Amino acid sequence: MNLENVQVGDTLILGLRRVVDSQIVTVDRLTKTQIIVNGKRYRKSNGYSVGKNICWGAARLMIPKEGEIEEIREARLHRKLVNDVDDACHINKLRAMSLEQLRQLNALLETS
């Protein structure tokens, strides 16, 4: 992948193998051969981090495809909400709920 035409301010994806682990980033600065994002340097030629070995599973900068940014945002929000609900359902928090709150939670869970 060639990132030669990227400009300062462009939105890119710092991608990993799973969408939920990818980040949406903005180009801060450019040099002749590098893209700087959040103080880290990446090669324009392939998007991989400068000074790191290119290996399976390594993150790299990519130009987003249509709909990909929204897909990443939704996947990250989904993970956050799952974690929030998981934290909220800790047994001590459930024990502290009123009977009415537990009934409402149970009804919500039964409908999904």
N, C-alpha and C. Protein backbone atom coordinates (compact mmCIF):
# COMPACT_ATOMS: atom_id res chain seq x y z
N MET A 1 0.84 -1.18 0.00
CA MET A 1 0.00 0.00 0.00
C MET A 1 0.89 1.24 0.00
N ASN A 2 0.57 2.15 -0.86
CA ASN A 2 1.37 3.36 -0.98
C ASN A 2 0.59 4.54 -0.40
N LEU A 3 1.21 5.24 0.51
CA LEU A 3 0.59 6.38 1.18
C LEU A 3 1.22 7.70 0.75
N GLU A 4 1.80 7.72 -0.44
CA GLU A 4 2.54 8.89 -0.92
C GLU A 4 1.68 10.14 -1.04
N ASN A 5 0.38 10.01 -1.30
CA ASN A 5 -0.48 11.17 -1.51
C ASN A 5 -1.20 11.65 -0.26
N VAL A 6 -0.86 11.08 0.88
CA VAL A 6 -1.49 11.48 2.14
C VAL A 6 -1.06 12.90 2.48
N GLN A 7 -2.00 13.67 3.04
CA GLN A 7 -1.74 15.05 3.43
C GLN A 7 -1.92 15.22 4.94
N VAL A 8 -1.31 16.26 5.50
CA VAL A 8 -1.51 16.59 6.92
C VAL A 8 -3.00 16.83 7.13
N GLY A 9 -3.53 16.25 8.20
CA GLY A 9 -4.94 16.37 8.52
C GLY A 9 -5.80 15.24 8.00
N ASP A 10 -5.24 14.40 7.11
CA ASP A 10 -6.01 13.26 6.60
C ASP A 10 -6.30 12.26 7.71
N THR A 11 -7.43 11.59 7.59
CA THR A 11 -7.81 10.55 8.53
C THR A 11 -7.39 9.21 7.96
N LEU A 12 -6.64 8.46 8.77
CA LEU A 12 -6.17 7.14 8.37
C LEU A 12 -6.59 6.13 9.43
N ILE A 13 -6.34 4.87 9.11
CA ILE A 13 -6.59 3.81 10.08
C ILE A 13 -5.24 3.23 10.47
N LEU A 14 -5.02 3.12 11.78
CA LEU A 14 -3.87 2.39 12.29
C LEU A 14 -4.41 1.01 12.58
N GLY A 15 -4.21 0.12 11.63
CA GLY A 15 -4.92 -1.14 11.63
C GLY A 15 -4.17 -2.32 12.17
N LEU A 16 -4.94 -3.17 12.80
CA LEU A 16 -4.50 -4.47 13.25
C LEU A 16 -5.36 -5.51 12.56
N ARG A 17 -5.21 -6.74 12.94
CA ARG A 17 -5.95 -7.81 12.27
C ARG A 17 -7.46 -7.72 12.52
N ARG A 18 -7.86 -7.29 13.71
CA ARG A 18 -9.29 -7.20 14.02
C ARG A 18 -9.73 -5.74 13.96
N VAL A 19 -10.91 -5.51 13.41
CA VAL A 19 -11.44 -4.15 13.29
C VAL A 19 -11.51 -3.46 14.64
N VAL A 20 -11.95 -4.19 15.67
CA VAL A 20 -12.14 -3.58 16.98
C VAL A 20 -10.83 -3.07 17.58
N ASP A 21 -9.71 -3.62 17.15
CA ASP A 21 -8.41 -3.20 17.66
C ASP A 21 -7.78 -2.08 16.84
N SER A 22 -8.40 -1.70 15.74
CA SER A 22 -7.88 -0.64 14.89
C SER A 22 -8.23 0.73 15.48
N GLN A 23 -7.42 1.72 15.12
CA GLN A 23 -7.63 3.08 15.61
C GLN A 23 -7.83 4.03 14.44
N ILE A 24 -8.61 5.04 14.66
CA ILE A 24 -8.78 6.12 13.68
C ILE A 24 -7.81 7.22 14.08
N VAL A 25 -6.92 7.60 13.18
CA VAL A 25 -5.88 8.58 13.51
C VAL A 25 -5.85 9.69 12.46
N THR A 26 -5.22 10.80 12.83
CA THR A 26 -5.07 11.94 11.94
C THR A 26 -3.58 12.20 11.71
N VAL A 27 -3.22 12.49 10.47
CA VAL A 27 -1.83 12.77 10.12
C VAL A 27 -1.43 14.12 10.72
N ASP A 28 -0.37 14.10 11.53
CA ASP A 28 0.12 15.33 12.17
C ASP A 28 1.15 16.06 11.32
N ARG A 29 2.04 15.27 10.71
CA ARG A 29 3.17 15.87 9.98
C ARG A 29 3.66 14.88 8.94
N LEU A 30 4.34 15.39 7.93
CA LEU A 30 4.91 14.55 6.88
C LEU A 30 6.36 14.90 6.66
N THR A 31 7.14 13.90 6.30
CA THR A 31 8.48 14.13 5.76
C THR A 31 8.47 13.53 4.36
N LYS A 32 9.59 13.53 3.70
CA LYS A 32 9.67 12.98 2.34
C LYS A 32 9.28 11.50 2.32
N THR A 33 9.65 10.75 3.35
CA THR A 33 9.42 9.30 3.34
C THR A 33 8.56 8.79 4.49
N GLN A 34 8.14 9.70 5.39
CA GLN A 34 7.44 9.24 6.59
C GLN A 34 6.16 10.03 6.87
N ILE A 35 5.27 9.37 7.61
CA ILE A 35 4.04 9.98 8.10
C ILE A 35 4.13 9.97 9.62
N ILE A 36 3.90 11.11 10.25
CA ILE A 36 3.97 11.19 11.71
C ILE A 36 2.54 11.32 12.25
N VAL A 37 2.21 10.38 13.15
CA VAL A 37 0.90 10.33 13.79
C VAL A 37 1.12 10.16 15.28
N ASN A 38 0.61 11.08 16.07
CA ASN A 38 0.75 11.00 17.54
C ASN A 38 2.20 10.81 17.97
N GLY A 39 3.11 11.47 17.27
CA GLY A 39 4.52 11.40 17.61
C GLY A 39 5.23 10.14 17.14
N LYS A 40 4.54 9.24 16.47
CA LYS A 40 5.16 8.01 15.97
C LYS A 40 5.30 8.09 14.46
N ARG A 41 6.38 7.48 13.97
CA ARG A 41 6.71 7.57 12.55
C ARG A 41 6.36 6.28 11.82
N TYR A 42 5.78 6.45 10.62
CA TYR A 42 5.40 5.33 9.78
C TYR A 42 5.92 5.57 8.37
N ARG A 43 6.25 4.52 7.66
CA ARG A 43 6.77 4.63 6.29
C ARG A 43 5.64 4.96 5.31
N LYS A 44 5.88 5.91 4.42
CA LYS A 44 4.92 6.19 3.37
C LYS A 44 4.80 5.01 2.41
N SER A 45 5.87 4.27 2.24
CA SER A 45 5.90 3.19 1.25
C SER A 45 4.99 2.02 1.61
N ASN A 46 4.85 1.73 2.92
CA ASN A 46 4.04 0.55 3.29
C ASN A 46 3.18 0.74 4.54
N GLY A 47 3.30 1.87 5.22
CA GLY A 47 2.48 2.14 6.39
C GLY A 47 2.99 1.56 7.70
N TYR A 48 4.05 0.77 7.66
CA TYR A 48 4.56 0.16 8.89
C TYR A 48 5.43 1.14 9.67
N SER A 49 5.51 0.92 10.96
CA SER A 49 6.26 1.76 11.88
C SER A 49 7.74 1.78 11.52
N VAL A 50 8.36 2.95 11.60
CA VAL A 50 9.79 3.09 11.35
C VAL A 50 10.55 2.53 12.54
N GLY A 51 11.60 1.76 12.27
CA GLY A 51 12.43 1.22 13.34
C GLY A 51 11.91 -0.07 13.94
N LYS A 52 10.82 -0.58 13.43
CA LYS A 52 10.27 -1.84 13.93
C LYS A 52 10.35 -2.88 12.83
N ASN A 53 10.49 -4.11 13.24
CA ASN A 53 10.44 -5.19 12.26
C ASN A 53 9.00 -5.37 11.78
N ILE A 54 8.86 -5.62 10.51
CA ILE A 54 7.54 -5.90 9.97
C ILE A 54 7.26 -7.37 10.26
N CYS A 55 6.24 -7.61 11.03
CA CYS A 55 5.91 -8.99 11.38
C CYS A 55 4.41 -9.20 11.30
N TRP A 56 4.02 -10.45 11.31
CA TRP A 56 2.61 -10.81 11.25
C TRP A 56 1.90 -10.18 12.43
N GLY A 57 0.80 -9.52 12.18
CA GLY A 57 0.03 -8.92 13.25
C GLY A 57 0.46 -7.51 13.63
N ALA A 58 1.47 -6.96 12.96
CA ALA A 58 1.93 -5.61 13.29
C ALA A 58 0.93 -4.58 12.76
N ALA A 59 0.75 -3.52 13.52
CA ALA A 59 -0.15 -2.44 13.09
C ALA A 59 0.52 -1.64 11.99
N ARG A 60 -0.31 -1.13 11.08
CA ARG A 60 0.22 -0.25 10.04
C ARG A 60 -0.85 0.74 9.64
N LEU A 61 -0.40 1.86 9.09
CA LEU A 61 -1.32 2.88 8.60
C LEU A 61 -1.94 2.42 7.29
N MET A 62 -3.23 2.71 7.15
CA MET A 62 -3.94 2.35 5.92
C MET A 62 -4.92 3.45 5.56
N ILE A 63 -5.17 3.60 4.29
CA ILE A 63 -6.18 4.52 3.82
C ILE A 63 -7.53 3.82 4.02
N PRO A 64 -8.47 4.48 4.69
CA PRO A 64 -9.75 3.80 4.96
C PRO A 64 -10.58 3.60 3.70
N LYS A 65 -11.22 2.45 3.65
CA LYS A 65 -12.17 2.16 2.58
C LYS A 65 -13.52 2.75 2.99
N GLU A 66 -14.42 2.85 2.05
CA GLU A 66 -15.75 3.40 2.33
C GLU A 66 -16.43 2.61 3.44
N GLY A 67 -16.91 3.31 4.46
CA GLY A 67 -17.63 2.68 5.56
C GLY A 67 -16.76 2.09 6.65
N GLU A 68 -15.46 2.04 6.42
CA GLU A 68 -14.56 1.38 7.38
C GLU A 68 -14.41 2.17 8.68
N ILE A 69 -14.39 3.48 8.61
CA ILE A 69 -14.25 4.29 9.83
C ILE A 69 -15.46 4.08 10.73
N GLU A 70 -16.65 4.11 10.14
CA GLU A 70 -17.87 3.88 10.93
C GLU A 70 -17.88 2.47 11.51
N GLU A 71 -17.42 1.50 10.76
CA GLU A 71 -17.35 0.12 11.25
C GLU A 71 -16.42 0.02 12.47
N ILE A 72 -15.30 0.70 12.42
CA ILE A 72 -14.37 0.70 13.55
C ILE A 72 -15.00 1.39 14.75
N ARG A 73 -15.63 2.54 14.53
CA ARG A 73 -16.29 3.26 15.64
C ARG A 73 -17.35 2.39 16.30
N GLU A 74 -18.17 1.70 15.50
CA GLU A 74 -19.22 0.85 16.04
C GLU A 74 -18.64 -0.35 16.80
N ALA A 75 -17.59 -0.95 16.26
CA ALA A 75 -16.97 -2.10 16.93
C ALA A 75 -16.36 -1.70 18.26
N ARG A 76 -15.72 -0.55 18.31
CA ARG A 76 -15.12 -0.07 19.56
C ARG A 76 -16.19 0.31 20.58
N LEU A 77 -17.29 0.93 20.12
CA LEU A 77 -18.39 1.27 21.01
C LEU A 77 -19.04 -0.01 21.55
N HIS A 78 -19.21 -0.99 20.70
CA HIS A 78 -19.79 -2.27 21.13
C HIS A 78 -18.93 -2.88 22.24
N ARG A 79 -17.61 -2.91 22.03
CA ARG A 79 -16.71 -3.48 23.05
C ARG A 79 -16.80 -2.69 24.35
N LYS A 80 -16.87 -1.36 24.25
CA LYS A 80 -16.96 -0.53 25.46
C LYS A 80 -18.26 -0.82 26.21
N LEU A 81 -19.37 -0.90 25.48
CA LEU A 81 -20.66 -1.16 26.13
C LEU A 81 -20.70 -2.55 26.76
N VAL A 82 -20.14 -3.55 26.09
CA VAL A 82 -20.07 -4.89 26.68
C VAL A 82 -19.29 -4.84 27.97
N ASN A 83 -18.17 -4.15 27.98
CA ASN A 83 -17.34 -4.04 29.19
C ASN A 83 -18.09 -3.28 30.28
N ASP A 84 -18.80 -2.20 29.91
CA ASP A 84 -19.55 -1.43 30.89
C ASP A 84 -20.66 -2.27 31.53
N VAL A 85 -21.38 -3.02 30.71
CA VAL A 85 -22.44 -3.87 31.22
C VAL A 85 -21.86 -4.98 32.09
N ASP A 86 -20.76 -5.54 31.65
CA ASP A 86 -20.10 -6.59 32.44
C ASP A 86 -19.68 -6.04 33.80
N ASP A 87 -19.12 -4.84 33.83
CA ASP A 87 -18.74 -4.21 35.11
C ASP A 87 -19.97 -3.93 35.98
N ALA A 88 -21.05 -3.48 35.34
CA ALA A 88 -22.26 -3.15 36.09
C ALA A 88 -22.93 -4.39 36.67
N CYS A 89 -22.69 -5.53 36.06
CA CYS A 89 -23.34 -6.77 36.52
C CYS A 89 -22.51 -7.52 37.55
N HIS A 90 -21.54 -6.88 38.10
CA HIS A 90 -20.76 -7.50 39.17
C HIS A 90 -21.71 -7.88 40.29
N ILE A 91 -21.50 -9.03 40.90
CA ILE A 91 -22.44 -9.57 41.90
C ILE A 91 -22.74 -8.59 43.03
N ASN A 92 -21.74 -7.85 43.49
CA ASN A 92 -21.97 -6.90 44.58
C ASN A 92 -22.91 -5.77 44.14
N LYS A 93 -22.78 -5.36 42.88
CA LYS A 93 -23.68 -4.32 42.38
C LYS A 93 -25.09 -4.87 42.24
N LEU A 94 -25.21 -6.12 41.80
CA LEU A 94 -26.53 -6.73 41.69
C LEU A 94 -27.19 -6.87 43.06
N ARG A 95 -26.43 -7.25 44.04
CA ARG A 95 -26.98 -7.39 45.40
C ARG A 95 -27.46 -6.06 45.96
N ALA A 96 -26.84 -4.97 45.52
CA ALA A 96 -27.22 -3.64 46.02
C ALA A 96 -28.47 -3.09 45.33
N MET A 97 -28.90 -3.72 44.24
CA MET A 97 -30.08 -3.24 43.52
C MET A 97 -31.35 -3.59 44.27
N SER A 98 -32.35 -2.73 44.07
CA SER A 98 -33.66 -3.00 44.65
C SER A 98 -34.34 -4.11 43.86
N LEU A 99 -35.38 -4.66 44.44
CA LEU A 99 -36.14 -5.70 43.77
C LEU A 99 -36.70 -5.18 42.44
N GLU A 100 -37.19 -3.95 42.43
CA GLU A 100 -37.74 -3.38 41.20
C GLU A 100 -36.66 -3.22 40.13
N GLN A 101 -35.48 -2.78 40.51
CA GLN A 101 -34.38 -2.64 39.56
C GLN A 101 -34.00 -4.01 38.98
N LEU A 102 -33.97 -5.02 39.82
CA LEU A 102 -33.64 -6.37 39.35
C LEU A 102 -34.71 -6.90 38.40
N ARG A 103 -35.97 -6.60 38.69
CA ARG A 103 -37.06 -7.02 37.79
C ARG A 103 -36.91 -6.34 36.42
N GLN A 104 -36.59 -5.05 36.44
CA GLN A 104 -36.42 -4.32 35.19
C GLN A 104 -35.25 -4.87 34.39
N LEU A 105 -34.15 -5.14 35.07
CA LEU A 105 -32.98 -5.71 34.39
C LEU A 105 -33.31 -7.07 33.83
N ASN A 106 -33.99 -7.89 34.59
CA ASN A 106 -34.37 -9.22 34.13
C ASN A 106 -35.28 -9.14 32.92
N ALA A 107 -36.23 -8.22 32.93
CA ALA A 107 -37.15 -8.05 31.80
C ALA A 107 -36.37 -7.62 30.55
N LEU A 108 -35.43 -6.73 30.73
CA LEU A 108 -34.62 -6.27 29.60
C LEU A 108 -33.81 -7.43 29.01
N LEU A 109 -33.22 -8.23 29.86
CA LEU A 109 -32.40 -9.35 29.39
C LEU A 109 -33.25 -10.42 28.72
N GLU A 110 -34.48 -10.62 29.20
CA GLU A 110 -35.34 -11.63 28.60
C GLU A 110 -35.83 -11.24 27.21
N THR A 111 -35.91 -9.93 26.93
CA THR A 111 -36.41 -9.48 25.64
C THR A 111 -35.34 -9.49 24.56
N SER A 112 -34.08 -9.66 24.93
CA SER A 112 -33.03 -9.61 23.91
C SER A 112 -32.54 -10.98 23.56
